[in-house]
Amino acid sequence: MRQKSLAAGRLMTVGALMLFLGGCAWFNTSTSSGTGSTAQPAATTAAVTPTFYDFQDIPIPSELSLVTKESTVFQGGAVKGGMLTFKGRVEPSSVVNFFMVAMARENWKHRGDIRYRKSVLLFEKPDRFCIISIRESSYYTYVELYVVPTATGTRSGAMESAPDGQRADGSSIKSRNLP
C-alpha cells in the first residue's frame, strides 16, 4: 500500500512539473509585438523591424535593450568605433540568425564565425570591422558589438601618424609603457 502511494505521489509530482514547464513554454511563445515565437527561423527573424543605435548601418533586434553602463563609442573625425552592450530575453540562435540576415542586407560581408557555447560573428566593410559576441546567461542573452576601423578606414589622415608621433592633423600621439 505504501509503495502505491509513493508511486502516485511521484506521478503527481512529475505531472505537476510537466504542467508547470508546459505552462511556462506557453507563456513564452509571444514576442514583444505579441505574435510569433521567440525562437524564430531566419526568414521570420529578418522580417522583424530592427533598431539602430550609434552605428546607422548595424541593425539591432528590437527585443534587445542597450546597457549604457557597459557601452563606449568614440569618434575622431570620420572615424567612429566602440563597443555597445545589449541584453534581452531571446534565444541566442535567433540573435545569430538575425545578424546573419540583417548585416548582409546592410552590405556587411560575413568573414567568419564561432558558434554554440558562445557565438562570435565577424563582419567587414571596406572601412571597418564589426565583431558581434553573443552569450547566454541565466536570465538574459547578452550581445556585445565591437566596431573598429580597418587600416584603410583611417586614410583620412586624422589617425595616421609619422614615426615621430606627429599626426597629419597637427596633434601628436604619445605612448608610454605602464608598469
N, C-alpha and C. Protein backbone atom coordinates (compact mmCIF):
# COMPACT_ATOMS: atom_id res chain seq x y z
N MET A 1 0.82 -1.19 0.00
CA MET A 1 0.00 0.00 0.00
C MET A 1 0.87 1.26 0.00
N ARG A 2 1.93 1.20 0.81
CA ARG A 2 2.82 2.36 0.90
C ARG A 2 3.51 2.63 -0.44
N GLN A 3 3.89 1.56 -1.17
CA GLN A 3 4.54 1.72 -2.46
C GLN A 3 3.60 2.35 -3.48
N LYS A 4 2.32 2.00 -3.43
CA LYS A 4 1.34 2.59 -4.34
C LYS A 4 1.19 4.08 -4.08
N SER A 5 1.19 4.49 -2.81
CA SER A 5 1.05 5.92 -2.50
C SER A 5 2.32 6.69 -2.90
N LEU A 6 3.50 6.07 -2.76
CA LEU A 6 4.74 6.71 -3.20
C LEU A 6 4.75 6.86 -4.72
N ALA A 7 4.33 5.82 -5.42
CA ALA A 7 4.28 5.88 -6.88
C ALA A 7 3.28 6.93 -7.34
N ALA A 8 2.12 7.00 -6.67
CA ALA A 8 1.11 8.00 -7.02
C ALA A 8 1.64 9.40 -6.73
N GLY A 9 2.37 9.57 -5.66
CA GLY A 9 2.96 10.87 -5.32
C GLY A 9 3.99 11.30 -6.35
N ARG A 10 4.82 10.36 -6.77
CA ARG A 10 5.82 10.66 -7.79
C ARG A 10 5.15 11.02 -9.11
N LEU A 11 4.10 10.27 -9.46
CA LEU A 11 3.38 10.54 -10.69
C LEU A 11 2.74 11.92 -10.65
N MET A 12 2.18 12.29 -9.51
CA MET A 12 1.57 13.63 -9.38
C MET A 12 2.63 14.72 -9.46
N THR A 13 3.81 14.47 -8.86
CA THR A 13 4.89 15.45 -8.90
C THR A 13 5.38 15.64 -10.34
N VAL A 14 5.59 14.53 -11.05
CA VAL A 14 6.03 14.62 -12.44
C VAL A 14 4.96 15.31 -13.28
N GLY A 15 3.68 14.97 -13.06
CA GLY A 15 2.59 15.62 -13.80
C GLY A 15 2.54 17.11 -13.54
N ALA A 16 2.67 17.49 -12.27
CA ALA A 16 2.65 18.92 -11.93
C ALA A 16 3.84 19.64 -12.55
N LEU A 17 5.01 19.01 -12.54
CA LEU A 17 6.19 19.61 -13.14
C LEU A 17 6.00 19.80 -14.64
N MET A 18 5.41 18.79 -15.30
CA MET A 18 5.17 18.90 -16.74
C MET A 18 4.17 20.02 -17.04
N LEU A 19 3.14 20.14 -16.22
CA LEU A 19 2.18 21.23 -16.42
C LEU A 19 2.83 22.58 -16.21
N PHE A 20 3.65 22.68 -15.18
CA PHE A 20 4.34 23.95 -14.90
C PHE A 20 5.26 24.33 -16.04
N LEU A 21 6.10 23.38 -16.47
CA LEU A 21 7.03 23.67 -17.57
C LEU A 21 6.29 23.93 -18.86
N GLY A 22 5.25 23.18 -19.11
CA GLY A 22 4.44 23.41 -20.30
C GLY A 22 3.77 24.77 -20.26
N GLY A 23 3.32 25.18 -19.07
CA GLY A 23 2.70 26.50 -18.91
C GLY A 23 3.68 27.62 -19.17
N CYS A 24 4.92 27.46 -18.69
CA CYS A 24 5.95 28.49 -18.94
C CYS A 24 6.24 28.59 -20.42
N ALA A 25 6.33 27.45 -21.09
CA ALA A 25 6.60 27.48 -22.52
C ALA A 25 5.45 28.14 -23.27
N TRP A 26 4.22 27.91 -22.82
CA TRP A 26 3.07 28.51 -23.48
C TRP A 26 3.10 30.03 -23.34
N PHE A 27 3.44 30.53 -22.15
CA PHE A 27 3.50 31.97 -21.94
C PHE A 27 4.67 32.60 -22.69
N ASN A 28 5.70 31.85 -22.99
CA ASN A 28 6.90 32.38 -23.63
C ASN A 28 6.83 32.33 -25.15
N THR A 29 5.68 32.03 -25.74
CA THR A 29 5.61 31.89 -27.19
C THR A 29 5.42 33.20 -27.92
N SER A 30 5.13 34.29 -27.26
CA SER A 30 4.93 35.53 -27.98
C SER A 30 6.09 36.48 -27.75
N THR A 31 6.42 37.25 -28.77
CA THR A 31 7.46 38.24 -28.67
C THR A 31 6.87 39.54 -28.16
N SER A 32 7.68 40.58 -28.10
CA SER A 32 7.19 41.86 -27.59
C SER A 32 6.09 42.43 -28.47
N SER A 33 6.01 42.02 -29.72
CA SER A 33 4.95 42.52 -30.59
C SER A 33 3.67 41.71 -30.43
N GLY A 34 3.77 40.57 -29.68
CA GLY A 34 2.59 39.79 -29.40
C GLY A 34 2.31 38.69 -30.40
N THR A 35 3.15 38.48 -31.40
CA THR A 35 2.92 37.42 -32.38
C THR A 35 4.19 36.63 -32.58
N GLY A 36 4.03 35.38 -32.99
CA GLY A 36 5.19 34.56 -33.31
C GLY A 36 5.80 33.94 -32.08
N SER A 37 6.90 33.21 -32.28
CA SER A 37 7.61 32.60 -31.17
C SER A 37 8.96 33.25 -31.02
N THR A 38 9.57 33.08 -29.85
CA THR A 38 10.87 33.70 -29.60
C THR A 38 11.98 33.02 -30.38
N ALA A 39 11.85 31.73 -30.66
CA ALA A 39 12.86 31.03 -31.44
C ALA A 39 12.38 30.99 -32.89
N GLN A 40 12.57 32.08 -33.59
CA GLN A 40 12.07 32.21 -34.95
C GLN A 40 13.10 31.76 -35.95
N PRO A 41 12.67 31.20 -37.08
CA PRO A 41 13.63 30.88 -38.13
C PRO A 41 14.17 32.16 -38.76
N ALA A 42 15.24 32.02 -39.52
CA ALA A 42 15.92 33.19 -40.10
C ALA A 42 15.00 34.05 -40.94
N ALA A 43 14.13 33.46 -41.74
CA ALA A 43 13.27 34.24 -42.62
C ALA A 43 12.29 35.08 -41.81
N THR A 44 11.75 34.52 -40.72
CA THR A 44 10.82 35.28 -39.88
C THR A 44 11.57 36.34 -39.09
N THR A 45 12.76 36.01 -38.59
CA THR A 45 13.54 36.96 -37.81
C THR A 45 13.90 38.17 -38.66
N ALA A 46 14.17 37.96 -39.95
CA ALA A 46 14.56 39.06 -40.82
C ALA A 46 13.42 40.05 -41.01
N ALA A 47 12.18 39.59 -40.84
CA ALA A 47 11.03 40.46 -41.04
C ALA A 47 10.81 41.39 -39.86
N VAL A 48 11.45 41.12 -38.72
CA VAL A 48 11.30 41.96 -37.53
C VAL A 48 11.98 43.30 -37.80
N THR A 49 11.33 44.38 -37.39
CA THR A 49 11.90 45.70 -37.60
C THR A 49 13.05 45.92 -36.62
N PRO A 50 14.27 46.14 -37.11
CA PRO A 50 15.41 46.34 -36.23
C PRO A 50 15.47 47.77 -35.70
N THR A 51 16.30 47.95 -34.70
CA THR A 51 16.58 49.26 -34.12
C THR A 51 18.02 49.61 -34.46
N PHE A 52 18.30 50.89 -34.68
CA PHE A 52 19.66 51.34 -34.95
C PHE A 52 20.08 52.28 -33.81
N TYR A 53 21.29 52.10 -33.33
CA TYR A 53 21.80 52.95 -32.25
C TYR A 53 22.88 53.87 -32.82
N ASP A 54 24.08 53.82 -32.32
CA ASP A 54 25.13 54.75 -32.73
C ASP A 54 25.70 54.48 -34.12
N PHE A 55 25.49 53.30 -34.65
CA PHE A 55 26.01 52.95 -35.97
C PHE A 55 24.81 52.72 -36.88
N GLN A 56 24.64 53.61 -37.85
CA GLN A 56 23.43 53.63 -38.68
C GLN A 56 23.32 52.48 -39.67
N ASP A 57 24.35 51.67 -39.80
CA ASP A 57 24.28 50.52 -40.70
C ASP A 57 24.42 49.19 -39.96
N ILE A 58 24.22 49.23 -38.63
CA ILE A 58 24.26 48.00 -37.84
C ILE A 58 22.92 47.85 -37.13
N PRO A 59 22.06 46.98 -37.64
CA PRO A 59 20.74 46.79 -37.04
C PRO A 59 20.83 45.93 -35.77
N ILE A 60 19.97 46.24 -34.82
CA ILE A 60 19.91 45.51 -33.55
C ILE A 60 18.49 44.98 -33.39
N PRO A 61 18.33 43.71 -32.98
CA PRO A 61 16.97 43.20 -32.76
C PRO A 61 16.22 44.06 -31.75
N SER A 62 14.97 44.33 -32.01
CA SER A 62 14.19 45.22 -31.14
C SER A 62 13.96 44.62 -29.76
N GLU A 63 14.16 43.31 -29.59
CA GLU A 63 13.99 42.68 -28.28
C GLU A 63 15.17 42.95 -27.34
N LEU A 64 16.25 43.50 -27.86
CA LEU A 64 17.42 43.78 -27.04
C LEU A 64 17.43 45.24 -26.61
N SER A 65 17.89 45.49 -25.39
CA SER A 65 17.99 46.87 -24.91
C SER A 65 19.45 47.20 -24.62
N LEU A 66 19.81 48.46 -24.84
CA LEU A 66 21.18 48.94 -24.67
C LEU A 66 21.53 49.00 -23.19
N VAL A 67 22.72 48.51 -22.83
CA VAL A 67 23.25 48.61 -21.48
C VAL A 67 24.28 49.73 -21.52
N THR A 68 23.87 50.94 -21.19
CA THR A 68 24.75 52.11 -21.36
C THR A 68 25.97 52.07 -20.46
N LYS A 69 25.86 51.48 -19.28
CA LYS A 69 27.00 51.44 -18.35
C LYS A 69 28.13 50.55 -18.86
N GLU A 70 27.84 49.69 -19.82
CA GLU A 70 28.85 48.80 -20.37
C GLU A 70 29.15 49.10 -21.83
N SER A 71 28.80 50.30 -22.30
CA SER A 71 28.98 50.68 -23.70
C SER A 71 29.85 51.92 -23.81
N THR A 72 30.64 51.97 -24.89
CA THR A 72 31.51 53.11 -25.15
C THR A 72 31.59 53.32 -26.66
N VAL A 73 31.43 54.55 -27.11
CA VAL A 73 31.58 54.88 -28.52
C VAL A 73 32.54 56.06 -28.62
N PHE A 74 33.47 55.99 -29.56
CA PHE A 74 34.39 57.11 -29.78
C PHE A 74 34.29 57.56 -31.22
N GLN A 75 34.56 58.82 -31.43
CA GLN A 75 34.59 59.36 -32.79
C GLN A 75 35.69 60.39 -32.87
N GLY A 76 36.52 60.26 -33.89
CA GLY A 76 37.59 61.20 -34.16
C GLY A 76 37.59 61.48 -35.64
N GLY A 77 37.10 62.65 -36.03
CA GLY A 77 36.97 62.96 -37.45
C GLY A 77 35.95 62.05 -38.09
N ALA A 78 36.35 61.39 -39.17
CA ALA A 78 35.44 60.49 -39.87
C ALA A 78 35.45 59.09 -39.28
N VAL A 79 36.32 58.83 -38.31
CA VAL A 79 36.46 57.50 -37.75
C VAL A 79 35.55 57.38 -36.53
N LYS A 80 34.71 56.34 -36.54
CA LYS A 80 33.81 56.09 -35.42
C LYS A 80 33.90 54.62 -35.06
N GLY A 81 34.01 54.31 -33.79
CA GLY A 81 34.09 52.93 -33.34
C GLY A 81 33.66 52.83 -31.90
N GLY A 82 33.78 51.65 -31.36
CA GLY A 82 33.44 51.46 -29.97
C GLY A 82 32.83 50.10 -29.70
N MET A 83 32.25 49.99 -28.50
CA MET A 83 31.63 48.76 -28.07
C MET A 83 30.27 49.08 -27.47
N LEU A 84 29.24 48.39 -27.95
CA LEU A 84 27.90 48.52 -27.40
C LEU A 84 27.50 47.18 -26.80
N THR A 85 26.88 47.21 -25.63
CA THR A 85 26.40 46.00 -24.97
C THR A 85 24.89 46.06 -24.90
N PHE A 86 24.26 44.94 -25.24
CA PHE A 86 22.80 44.82 -25.22
C PHE A 86 22.42 43.58 -24.42
N LYS A 87 21.20 43.57 -23.89
CA LYS A 87 20.70 42.38 -23.24
C LYS A 87 19.21 42.24 -23.51
N GLY A 88 18.74 41.01 -23.46
CA GLY A 88 17.33 40.75 -23.68
C GLY A 88 17.03 39.29 -23.45
N ARG A 89 15.77 38.98 -23.37
CA ARG A 89 15.34 37.59 -23.17
C ARG A 89 14.97 36.99 -24.52
N VAL A 90 15.99 36.58 -25.23
CA VAL A 90 15.83 35.97 -26.56
C VAL A 90 16.76 34.77 -26.66
N GLU A 91 16.44 33.89 -27.57
CA GLU A 91 17.28 32.72 -27.82
C GLU A 91 18.54 33.16 -28.57
N PRO A 92 19.72 32.75 -28.11
CA PRO A 92 20.95 33.13 -28.82
C PRO A 92 20.94 32.73 -30.29
N SER A 93 20.37 31.58 -30.62
CA SER A 93 20.36 31.15 -32.02
C SER A 93 19.52 32.08 -32.89
N SER A 94 18.45 32.65 -32.34
CA SER A 94 17.64 33.59 -33.14
C SER A 94 18.39 34.91 -33.32
N VAL A 95 19.22 35.29 -32.35
CA VAL A 95 20.03 36.51 -32.49
C VAL A 95 21.08 36.30 -33.57
N VAL A 96 21.71 35.12 -33.58
CA VAL A 96 22.69 34.80 -34.62
C VAL A 96 22.03 34.86 -36.00
N ASN A 97 20.86 34.24 -36.13
CA ASN A 97 20.13 34.25 -37.40
C ASN A 97 19.78 35.67 -37.82
N PHE A 98 19.35 36.48 -36.86
CA PHE A 98 19.00 37.87 -37.16
C PHE A 98 20.20 38.60 -37.77
N PHE A 99 21.36 38.52 -37.10
CA PHE A 99 22.53 39.25 -37.59
C PHE A 99 23.03 38.71 -38.93
N MET A 100 22.94 37.42 -39.15
CA MET A 100 23.39 36.87 -40.43
C MET A 100 22.58 37.45 -41.59
N VAL A 101 21.28 37.62 -41.40
CA VAL A 101 20.42 38.15 -42.46
C VAL A 101 20.50 39.68 -42.51
N ALA A 102 20.38 40.34 -41.37
CA ALA A 102 20.29 41.80 -41.33
C ALA A 102 21.61 42.48 -41.71
N MET A 103 22.74 41.91 -41.32
CA MET A 103 24.01 42.53 -41.68
C MET A 103 24.27 42.41 -43.19
N ALA A 104 23.88 41.30 -43.79
CA ALA A 104 24.01 41.16 -45.24
C ALA A 104 23.16 42.21 -45.95
N ARG A 105 22.00 42.49 -45.42
CA ARG A 105 21.11 43.50 -46.01
C ARG A 105 21.74 44.90 -45.94
N GLU A 106 22.60 45.14 -44.96
CA GLU A 106 23.28 46.43 -44.81
C GLU A 106 24.65 46.43 -45.50
N ASN A 107 24.88 45.46 -46.37
CA ASN A 107 26.11 45.34 -47.17
C ASN A 107 27.37 45.02 -46.37
N TRP A 108 27.21 44.37 -45.22
CA TRP A 108 28.35 43.86 -44.48
C TRP A 108 28.71 42.49 -45.05
N LYS A 109 29.99 42.21 -45.19
CA LYS A 109 30.46 40.91 -45.68
C LYS A 109 30.76 40.01 -44.48
N HIS A 110 30.16 38.82 -44.47
CA HIS A 110 30.40 37.86 -43.40
C HIS A 110 31.77 37.25 -43.61
N ARG A 111 32.66 37.34 -42.63
CA ARG A 111 34.02 36.85 -42.77
C ARG A 111 34.30 35.61 -41.93
N GLY A 112 33.44 35.28 -41.01
CA GLY A 112 33.65 34.08 -40.21
C GLY A 112 32.83 34.11 -38.94
N ASP A 113 32.78 32.96 -38.26
CA ASP A 113 32.05 32.91 -37.01
C ASP A 113 32.48 31.71 -36.18
N ILE A 114 32.18 31.81 -34.90
CA ILE A 114 32.34 30.73 -33.93
C ILE A 114 30.95 30.53 -33.36
N ARG A 115 30.51 29.29 -33.19
CA ARG A 115 29.13 29.07 -32.77
C ARG A 115 29.02 28.16 -31.56
N TYR A 116 27.86 28.22 -30.94
CA TYR A 116 27.32 27.35 -29.91
C TYR A 116 27.53 27.89 -28.51
N ARG A 117 28.48 27.40 -27.73
CA ARG A 117 28.55 27.83 -26.33
C ARG A 117 28.53 29.35 -26.21
N LYS A 118 29.36 29.98 -26.98
CA LYS A 118 29.37 31.44 -27.13
C LYS A 118 29.55 31.67 -28.62
N SER A 119 28.73 32.50 -29.21
CA SER A 119 28.85 32.76 -30.64
C SER A 119 29.56 34.08 -30.88
N VAL A 120 30.44 34.09 -31.85
CA VAL A 120 31.15 35.30 -32.26
C VAL A 120 31.03 35.38 -33.78
N LEU A 121 30.52 36.50 -34.27
CA LEU A 121 30.35 36.73 -35.70
C LEU A 121 31.28 37.85 -36.13
N LEU A 122 31.91 37.70 -37.28
CA LEU A 122 32.81 38.73 -37.80
C LEU A 122 32.29 39.20 -39.15
N PHE A 123 32.10 40.52 -39.26
CA PHE A 123 31.65 41.15 -40.49
C PHE A 123 32.62 42.25 -40.87
N GLU A 124 32.67 42.56 -42.17
CA GLU A 124 33.61 43.58 -42.65
C GLU A 124 32.97 44.45 -43.71
N LYS A 125 33.34 45.72 -43.66
CA LYS A 125 33.09 46.68 -44.73
C LYS A 125 34.46 47.24 -45.11
N PRO A 126 34.56 47.98 -46.21
CA PRO A 126 35.89 48.47 -46.61
C PRO A 126 36.59 49.32 -45.55
N ASP A 127 35.84 50.01 -44.70
CA ASP A 127 36.47 50.91 -43.74
C ASP A 127 36.45 50.45 -42.29
N ARG A 128 35.81 49.30 -41.98
CA ARG A 128 35.75 48.86 -40.59
C ARG A 128 35.30 47.41 -40.46
N PHE A 129 35.56 46.88 -39.27
CA PHE A 129 35.11 45.55 -38.90
C PHE A 129 34.02 45.67 -37.86
N CYS A 130 33.14 44.67 -37.82
CA CYS A 130 32.13 44.57 -36.77
C CYS A 130 32.21 43.15 -36.20
N ILE A 131 32.49 43.06 -34.92
CA ILE A 131 32.58 41.78 -34.23
C ILE A 131 31.40 41.71 -33.26
N ILE A 132 30.61 40.67 -33.36
CA ILE A 132 29.42 40.53 -32.53
C ILE A 132 29.57 39.27 -31.68
N SER A 133 29.57 39.46 -30.36
CA SER A 133 29.69 38.36 -29.42
C SER A 133 28.32 38.14 -28.77
N ILE A 134 27.86 36.90 -28.77
CA ILE A 134 26.54 36.56 -28.24
C ILE A 134 26.71 35.46 -27.20
N ARG A 135 26.25 35.73 -25.96
CA ARG A 135 26.35 34.72 -24.92
C ARG A 135 25.07 34.70 -24.10
N GLU A 136 24.78 33.54 -23.57
CA GLU A 136 23.57 33.36 -22.78
C GLU A 136 23.94 33.23 -21.31
N SER A 137 23.20 33.93 -20.45
CA SER A 137 23.36 33.76 -19.00
C SER A 137 22.07 33.16 -18.46
N SER A 138 21.94 33.14 -17.16
CA SER A 138 20.76 32.52 -16.54
C SER A 138 19.46 33.19 -16.97
N TYR A 139 19.44 34.51 -17.03
CA TYR A 139 18.20 35.23 -17.30
C TYR A 139 18.17 35.94 -18.65
N TYR A 140 19.33 36.33 -19.16
CA TYR A 140 19.37 37.15 -20.36
C TYR A 140 20.35 36.58 -21.38
N THR A 141 20.17 37.03 -22.60
CA THR A 141 21.18 36.84 -23.64
C THR A 141 21.87 38.17 -23.79
N TYR A 142 23.19 38.18 -23.75
CA TYR A 142 23.98 39.40 -23.88
C TYR A 142 24.62 39.44 -25.26
N VAL A 143 24.60 40.61 -25.87
CA VAL A 143 25.24 40.83 -27.16
C VAL A 143 26.21 41.98 -27.01
N GLU A 144 27.47 41.73 -27.33
CA GLU A 144 28.48 42.78 -27.33
C GLU A 144 28.87 43.01 -28.77
N LEU A 145 28.81 44.25 -29.18
CA LEU A 145 29.06 44.63 -30.56
C LEU A 145 30.29 45.54 -30.58
N TYR A 146 31.33 45.13 -31.27
CA TYR A 146 32.57 45.90 -31.37
C TYR A 146 32.70 46.41 -32.80
N VAL A 147 32.95 47.69 -32.95
CA VAL A 147 33.18 48.28 -34.27
C VAL A 147 34.55 48.94 -34.23
N VAL A 148 35.43 48.47 -35.13
CA VAL A 148 36.79 49.01 -35.19
C VAL A 148 37.14 49.37 -36.63
N PRO A 149 37.84 50.48 -36.82
CA PRO A 149 38.23 50.87 -38.18
C PRO A 149 39.32 49.95 -38.71
N THR A 150 39.31 49.73 -40.02
CA THR A 150 40.38 48.98 -40.66
C THR A 150 41.51 49.94 -40.99
N ALA A 151 42.61 49.42 -41.44
CA ALA A 151 43.74 50.28 -41.82
C ALA A 151 43.33 51.20 -42.96
N THR A 152 42.50 50.72 -43.89
CA THR A 152 42.07 51.57 -44.99
C THR A 152 41.01 52.57 -44.54
N GLY A 153 40.35 52.27 -43.41
CA GLY A 153 39.33 53.18 -42.91
C GLY A 153 39.89 54.42 -42.25
N THR A 154 41.21 54.43 -41.99
CA THR A 154 41.83 55.59 -41.35
C THR A 154 42.59 56.45 -42.34
N ARG A 155 42.38 56.27 -43.61
CA ARG A 155 43.12 57.02 -44.63
C ARG A 155 42.81 58.50 -44.65
N SER A 156 41.84 58.93 -43.88
CA SER A 156 41.51 60.35 -43.85
C SER A 156 42.69 61.17 -43.34
N GLY A 157 43.67 60.48 -42.73
CA GLY A 157 44.84 61.18 -42.23
C GLY A 157 44.72 61.56 -40.78
N ALA A 158 43.56 61.59 -40.24
CA ALA A 158 43.37 62.00 -38.85
C ALA A 158 44.00 61.02 -37.89
N MET A 159 44.04 59.74 -38.23
CA MET A 159 44.55 58.74 -37.30
C MET A 159 45.96 58.27 -37.68
N GLU A 160 46.45 58.61 -38.87
CA GLU A 160 47.78 58.18 -39.26
C GLU A 160 48.82 59.06 -38.59
N SER A 161 49.94 58.47 -38.24
CA SER A 161 50.99 59.25 -37.59
C SER A 161 52.34 58.95 -38.22
N ALA A 162 53.20 59.90 -38.12
CA ALA A 162 54.56 59.74 -38.60
C ALA A 162 55.36 59.01 -37.53
N PRO A 163 56.56 58.54 -37.86
CA PRO A 163 57.36 57.81 -36.87
C PRO A 163 57.64 58.62 -35.61
N ASP A 164 57.69 59.94 -35.69
CA ASP A 164 57.97 60.75 -34.51
C ASP A 164 56.73 61.00 -33.66
N GLY A 165 55.58 60.40 -34.02
CA GLY A 165 54.35 60.57 -33.24
C GLY A 165 53.51 61.74 -33.69
N GLN A 166 53.98 62.52 -34.66
CA GLN A 166 53.22 63.68 -35.16
C GLN A 166 52.18 63.20 -36.16
N ARG A 167 50.90 63.52 -35.93
CA ARG A 167 49.82 63.09 -36.83
C ARG A 167 49.60 64.15 -37.90
N ALA A 168 48.90 63.74 -38.96
CA ALA A 168 48.65 64.62 -40.10
C ALA A 168 47.81 65.82 -39.71
N ASP A 169 47.00 65.71 -38.65
CA ASP A 169 46.16 66.83 -38.25
C ASP A 169 46.89 67.81 -37.33
N GLY A 170 48.19 67.59 -37.10
CA GLY A 170 48.97 68.52 -36.29
C GLY A 170 49.11 68.09 -34.84
N SER A 171 48.28 67.21 -34.35
CA SER A 171 48.41 66.75 -32.97
C SER A 171 49.45 65.64 -32.92
N SER A 172 49.83 65.27 -31.74
CA SER A 172 50.82 64.20 -31.61
C SER A 172 50.29 63.10 -30.72
N ILE A 173 50.86 61.94 -30.92
CA ILE A 173 50.49 60.78 -30.13
C ILE A 173 51.66 60.44 -29.23
N LYS A 174 51.42 60.35 -27.97
CA LYS A 174 52.45 59.98 -27.00
C LYS A 174 52.06 58.63 -26.41
N SER A 175 53.00 57.75 -26.27
CA SER A 175 52.69 56.47 -25.65
C SER A 175 53.75 56.19 -24.59
N ARG A 176 53.34 55.39 -23.62
CA ARG A 176 54.29 55.01 -22.59
C ARG A 176 53.90 53.62 -22.10
N ASN A 177 54.85 52.93 -21.59
CA ASN A 177 54.60 51.60 -21.05
C ASN A 177 54.10 51.74 -19.64
N LEU A 178 53.07 51.01 -19.32
CA LEU A 178 52.54 51.04 -17.97
C LEU A 178 53.21 49.94 -17.15
N PRO A 179 53.40 50.18 -15.87
CA PRO A 179 54.10 49.16 -15.03
C PRO A 179 53.27 47.91 -14.89
